[in-house]
Amino acid sequence: MKLKLLGAGVMVALAGCQSDDGVAIAEMDPAQATLSGEACPDVGEAAYFFWMSPVSAEPGQKIGLSPYWTDMPGGFNPLPAGCVDDVSAHPDGAVNLTRTDNGLALAEIAEGAEAGTRIHLTATYNGHGLIGLVDVYRAADNPLVGRWRQDSGSCAPGSAVQELVFTGSGDFSVTWTPFEAYKDYWGSYTYDADTGAVSFEIESGNQTPEDVVLEGAAQVSGDELSFDGVSFGTPRNAESACRGKFLR
């Protein structure tokens, strides 16, 4: 089963039985809206988007272009997907556009898209511009990509990382207590798939412990990620750093 990315970066399993990956595809122009008029309410001056931060996707993966708007930090207010119009992608040939039978535009990453490519998806909603950035990666080359949480079973209270995020473009973030868009610290990383060697460079943050260890090795086995030598540090109000494995 393939996965679809909806709205603000949420991955969900596709349902149905009418195409190879279970999506019912309608015969319509994928770039043009299926709804108009009163079916597409205009909320006025606001920020319109598909998702806030670049998302990572592999060739063959489908991304659902669900529109949102916000007028405050952390706000995600959905809009009718069938109102998304003038859908396009850059670079040319990086995605194949289709629509489901309920009007949701889908962008399928082309099989030939190279890892490291950044795709710009653009569209409009009632004349307001929408954009979503996608970083292409291949899990065979970088199995770290995705969202992980630390197993707290053997850790001091409050020390387990609740969100460790790796992107296909080489960025990472660490968060102990997730809340809306909050992150404790973030930066870039390098990973060698042959040796497992991994290193981090912290660029900024709201809470950066003094006892981080930024070089070591990473090993992925199924849905488990473990580190040798790496420590993400001791957060405030915890007695020690958690060295437990991570789970998807």
Protein backbone atom coordinates (compact mmCIF):
# COMPACT_ATOMS: atom_id res chain seq x y z
CA MET A 1 0.00 0.00 0.00
CA LYS A 2 1.30 3.44 -0.89
CA LEU A 3 0.86 6.52 1.25
CA LYS A 4 -0.65 9.89 0.61
CA LEU A 5 0.30 13.17 2.19
CA LEU A 6 -2.67 15.34 3.03
CA GLY A 7 -2.96 18.95 4.15
CA ALA A 8 -0.22 20.07 6.51
CA GLY A 9 2.06 17.09 6.06
CA VAL A 10 -0.11 14.28 7.45
CA MET A 11 0.53 10.82 6.00
CA VAL A 12 -2.49 8.53 5.64
CA ALA A 13 -3.16 5.24 3.91
CA LEU A 14 -5.12 5.44 0.69
CA ALA A 15 -8.44 3.63 0.53
CA GLY A 16 -10.47 2.29 -2.36
CA CYS A 17 -9.96 -0.19 -5.16
CA GLN A 18 -10.20 1.58 -8.52
CA SER A 19 -6.53 2.17 -9.31
CA ASP A 20 -3.13 0.62 -8.63
CA ASP A 21 -2.81 2.30 -5.24
CA GLY A 22 -6.49 2.38 -4.34
CA VAL A 23 -7.47 5.89 -5.49
CA ALA A 24 -10.54 6.47 -7.62
CA ILE A 25 -9.31 8.71 -10.45
CA ALA A 26 -11.84 10.78 -12.36
CA GLU A 27 -11.60 11.80 -16.02
CA MET A 28 -11.02 15.54 -15.68
CA ASP A 29 -8.36 18.18 -16.23
CA PRO A 30 -6.14 17.79 -13.14
CA ALA A 31 -5.00 21.42 -13.30
CA GLN A 32 -8.49 22.91 -13.17
CA ALA A 33 -10.91 23.29 -10.25
CA THR A 34 -14.03 21.14 -10.07
CA LEU A 35 -15.93 23.56 -7.80
CA SER A 36 -16.64 27.29 -8.03
CA GLY A 37 -18.91 30.05 -6.76
CA GLU A 38 -20.49 29.61 -3.34
CA ALA A 39 -18.85 26.19 -3.00
CA CYS A 40 -15.50 28.01 -2.66
CA PRO A 41 -15.80 30.54 0.19
CA ASP A 42 -13.30 33.40 0.21
CA VAL A 43 -11.97 34.02 3.72
CA GLY A 44 -10.23 37.25 2.69
CA GLU A 45 -6.77 38.36 3.73
CA ALA A 46 -4.96 35.34 5.11
CA ALA A 47 -2.08 32.98 4.36
CA TYR A 48 -3.06 30.18 1.98
CA PHE A 49 -0.99 27.00 1.77
CA PHE A 50 -0.88 23.24 1.26
CA TRP A 51 1.64 22.69 4.10
CA MET A 52 4.00 24.96 5.99
CA SER A 53 7.39 23.25 5.72
CA PRO A 54 8.85 21.25 2.84
CA VAL A 55 7.80 17.61 2.92
CA SER A 56 9.79 14.58 1.80
CA ALA A 57 8.48 12.06 -0.72
CA GLU A 58 9.79 9.18 -2.79
CA PRO A 59 9.28 8.57 -6.51
CA GLY A 60 5.86 7.03 -7.06
CA GLN A 61 4.37 8.56 -3.93
CA LYS A 62 1.14 10.56 -4.24
CA ILE A 63 0.60 13.86 -2.44
CA GLY A 64 -2.91 15.18 -1.87
CA LEU A 65 -3.17 18.93 -2.49
CA SER A 66 -5.63 19.92 0.22
CA PRO A 67 -5.77 23.72 0.70
CA TYR A 68 -5.61 25.44 4.09
CA TRP A 69 -5.64 29.02 5.35
CA THR A 70 -4.48 30.66 8.56
CA ASP A 71 -4.49 34.07 10.18
CA MET A 72 -2.58 33.04 13.30
CA PRO A 73 0.49 30.90 14.13
CA GLY A 74 -0.34 27.20 14.27
CA GLY A 75 -3.81 27.61 12.75
CA PHE A 76 -4.80 25.13 10.02
CA ASN A 77 -8.24 25.79 8.59
CA PRO A 78 -9.31 23.50 5.72
CA LEU A 79 -10.81 24.70 2.45
CA PRO A 80 -12.69 22.65 -0.19
CA ALA A 81 -10.15 20.61 -2.17
CA GLY A 82 -12.22 20.85 -5.35
CA CYS A 83 -11.66 24.62 -5.43
CA VAL A 84 -7.91 24.28 -6.07
CA ASP A 85 -7.24 25.68 -9.55
CA ASP A 86 -4.31 26.23 -11.96
CA VAL A 87 -2.21 23.43 -10.48
CA SER A 88 1.35 23.25 -11.81
CA ALA A 89 4.75 21.88 -10.81
CA HIS A 90 8.38 22.83 -11.33
CA PRO A 91 10.64 21.36 -12.59
CA ASP A 92 8.69 20.09 -15.58
CA GLY A 93 8.14 16.35 -15.56
CA ALA A 94 8.78 15.99 -11.84
CA VAL A 95 5.18 15.03 -11.05
CA ASN A 96 2.13 13.55 -12.73
CA LEU A 97 -1.11 15.37 -11.88
CA THR A 98 -4.50 13.65 -11.50
CA ARG A 99 -7.71 14.24 -9.54
CA THR A 100 -9.77 11.87 -7.47
CA ASP A 101 -13.49 11.55 -8.10
CA ASN A 102 -14.19 13.99 -5.24
CA GLY A 103 -12.02 16.71 -6.82
CA LEU A 104 -8.83 16.32 -4.75
CA ALA A 105 -5.78 17.10 -6.87
CA LEU A 106 -2.99 14.53 -6.57
CA ALA A 107 0.67 15.05 -7.44
CA GLU A 108 2.49 11.76 -8.03
CA ILE A 109 6.27 12.04 -7.84
CA ALA A 110 7.68 10.83 -11.17
CA GLU A 111 9.62 7.57 -11.06
CA GLY A 112 12.54 9.30 -12.72
CA ALA A 113 12.75 12.17 -10.21
CA GLU A 114 16.24 12.31 -8.76
CA ALA A 115 16.90 12.30 -5.03
CA GLY A 116 17.72 15.80 -3.86
CA THR A 117 15.28 17.46 -6.27
CA ARG A 118 13.07 20.15 -4.74
CA ILE A 119 9.66 20.30 -6.39
CA HIS A 120 7.57 23.49 -6.28
CA LEU A 121 3.83 22.79 -6.44
CA THR A 122 1.73 25.89 -7.08
CA ALA A 123 -1.99 26.55 -7.49
CA THR A 124 -4.68 29.10 -6.71
CA TYR A 125 -7.76 29.19 -4.50
CA ASN A 126 -10.19 31.98 -5.40
CA GLY A 127 -7.28 33.88 -6.87
CA HIS A 128 -5.07 33.42 -3.79
CA GLY A 129 -1.74 31.72 -4.41
CA LEU A 130 -0.97 28.33 -2.90
CA ILE A 131 2.44 26.68 -2.70
CA GLY A 132 3.89 23.44 -1.38
CA LEU A 133 7.53 22.32 -1.50
CA VAL A 134 8.52 18.65 -1.82
CA ASP A 135 12.01 17.20 -1.40
CA VAL A 136 12.59 13.95 -3.29
CA TYR A 137 14.51 11.18 -1.54
CA ARG A 138 14.90 7.41 -1.71
CA ALA A 139 14.56 5.37 1.46
CA ALA A 140 17.13 2.86 0.21
CA ASP A 141 19.71 5.65 0.33
CA ASN A 142 18.43 7.39 3.45
CA PRO A 143 16.15 5.36 5.75
CA LEU A 144 16.36 8.07 8.43
CA VAL A 145 13.84 10.30 6.64
CA GLY A 146 10.58 10.62 8.54
CA ARG A 147 9.25 11.26 12.02
CA TRP A 148 10.46 9.25 15.02
CA ARG A 149 9.70 9.12 18.77
CA GLN A 150 12.00 7.81 21.46
CA ASP A 151 11.13 4.76 23.54
CA SER A 152 10.91 6.15 27.09
CA GLY A 153 10.79 2.78 28.86
CA SER A 154 14.29 2.98 30.38
CA CYS A 155 14.71 6.76 30.42
CA ALA A 156 14.50 9.43 33.10
CA PRO A 157 11.10 11.13 33.26
CA GLY A 158 10.72 13.86 30.63
CA SER A 159 13.97 12.98 28.83
CA ALA A 160 12.63 11.00 25.83
CA VAL A 161 12.49 12.89 22.53
CA GLN A 162 8.88 12.92 21.33
CA GLU A 163 9.62 14.15 17.80
CA LEU A 164 12.85 13.54 15.91
CA VAL A 165 12.32 14.58 12.29
CA PHE A 166 14.64 13.97 9.34
CA THR A 167 13.87 15.47 5.93
CA GLY A 168 14.98 14.33 2.51
CA SER A 169 16.82 17.63 2.03
CA GLY A 170 19.18 17.05 4.96
CA ASP A 171 17.42 18.93 7.77
CA PHE A 172 16.52 17.62 11.23
CA SER A 173 14.69 18.83 14.33
CA VAL A 174 14.39 17.65 17.94
CA THR A 175 11.35 18.27 20.16
CA TRP A 176 10.64 16.95 23.65
CA THR A 177 7.16 18.41 24.07
CA PRO A 178 5.45 18.99 20.72
CA PHE A 179 3.00 21.88 20.52
CA GLU A 180 1.77 23.26 17.19
CA ALA A 181 4.89 24.30 15.22
CA TYR A 182 7.22 24.45 18.24
CA LYS A 183 10.64 22.70 18.03
CA ASP A 184 13.39 22.63 20.64
CA TYR A 185 16.31 22.81 18.20
CA TRP A 186 17.06 22.16 14.56
CA GLY A 187 19.74 22.13 11.90
CA SER A 188 21.28 19.91 9.23
CA TYR A 189 22.64 16.38 9.17
CA THR A 190 24.78 14.10 7.03
CA TYR A 191 24.36 10.34 6.79
CA ASP A 192 26.43 7.66 5.08
CA ALA A 193 24.22 4.70 4.16
CA ASP A 194 27.23 2.42 3.66
CA THR A 195 28.85 2.97 7.07
CA GLY A 196 25.94 4.33 9.12
CA ALA A 197 28.02 7.36 10.11
CA VAL A 198 25.87 10.33 11.04
CA SER A 199 26.66 13.87 12.15
CA PHE A 200 24.55 16.87 13.07
CA GLU A 201 25.02 20.62 12.93
CA ILE A 202 22.68 22.67 15.13
CA GLU A 203 21.66 25.92 13.49
CA SER A 204 19.26 27.39 16.05
CA GLY A 205 16.71 26.50 18.68
CA ASN A 206 14.54 27.36 21.66
CA GLN A 207 16.19 24.82 23.96
CA THR A 208 19.62 23.40 23.11
CA PRO A 209 21.17 21.26 25.87
CA GLU A 210 24.88 21.65 26.61
CA ASP A 211 25.54 17.89 26.65
CA VAL A 212 24.59 17.02 23.06
CA VAL A 213 26.88 14.62 21.18
CA LEU A 214 26.60 15.32 17.48
CA GLU A 215 28.61 12.55 15.83
CA GLY A 216 28.24 8.79 15.84
CA ALA A 217 26.46 6.04 13.94
CA ALA A 218 22.82 5.29 13.15
CA GLN A 219 21.18 1.95 12.45
CA VAL A 220 17.66 1.42 11.09
CA SER A 221 15.97 -1.95 11.45
CA GLY A 222 12.39 -1.95 10.24
CA ASP A 223 10.59 0.70 12.27
CA GLU A 224 13.36 1.05 14.86
CA LEU A 225 16.23 3.56 14.85
CA SER A 226 19.17 3.36 17.23
CA PHE A 227 22.26 5.53 17.65
CA ASP A 228 25.77 4.71 18.79
CA GLY A 229 27.54 7.67 20.36
CA VAL A 230 24.92 10.27 19.49
CA SER A 231 23.03 12.04 22.27
CA PHE A 232 20.37 14.69 21.77
CA GLY A 233 21.04 16.00 25.27
CA THR A 234 19.27 16.51 28.57
CA PRO A 235 16.20 18.75 28.36
CA ARG A 236 15.14 21.14 31.09
CA ASN A 237 13.48 19.45 34.07
CA ALA A 238 15.06 16.06 33.27
CA GLU A 239 17.88 14.43 35.23
CA SER A 240 19.75 12.85 32.33
CA ALA A 241 19.66 12.32 28.57
CA CYS A 242 17.67 9.45 27.10
CA ARG A 243 19.71 7.00 25.00
CA GLY A 244 16.78 4.73 24.11
CA LYS A 245 15.92 3.59 20.60
CA PHE A 246 13.45 5.46 18.38
CA LEU A 247 10.24 4.14 16.84
CA ARG A 248 8.26 5.34 13.82
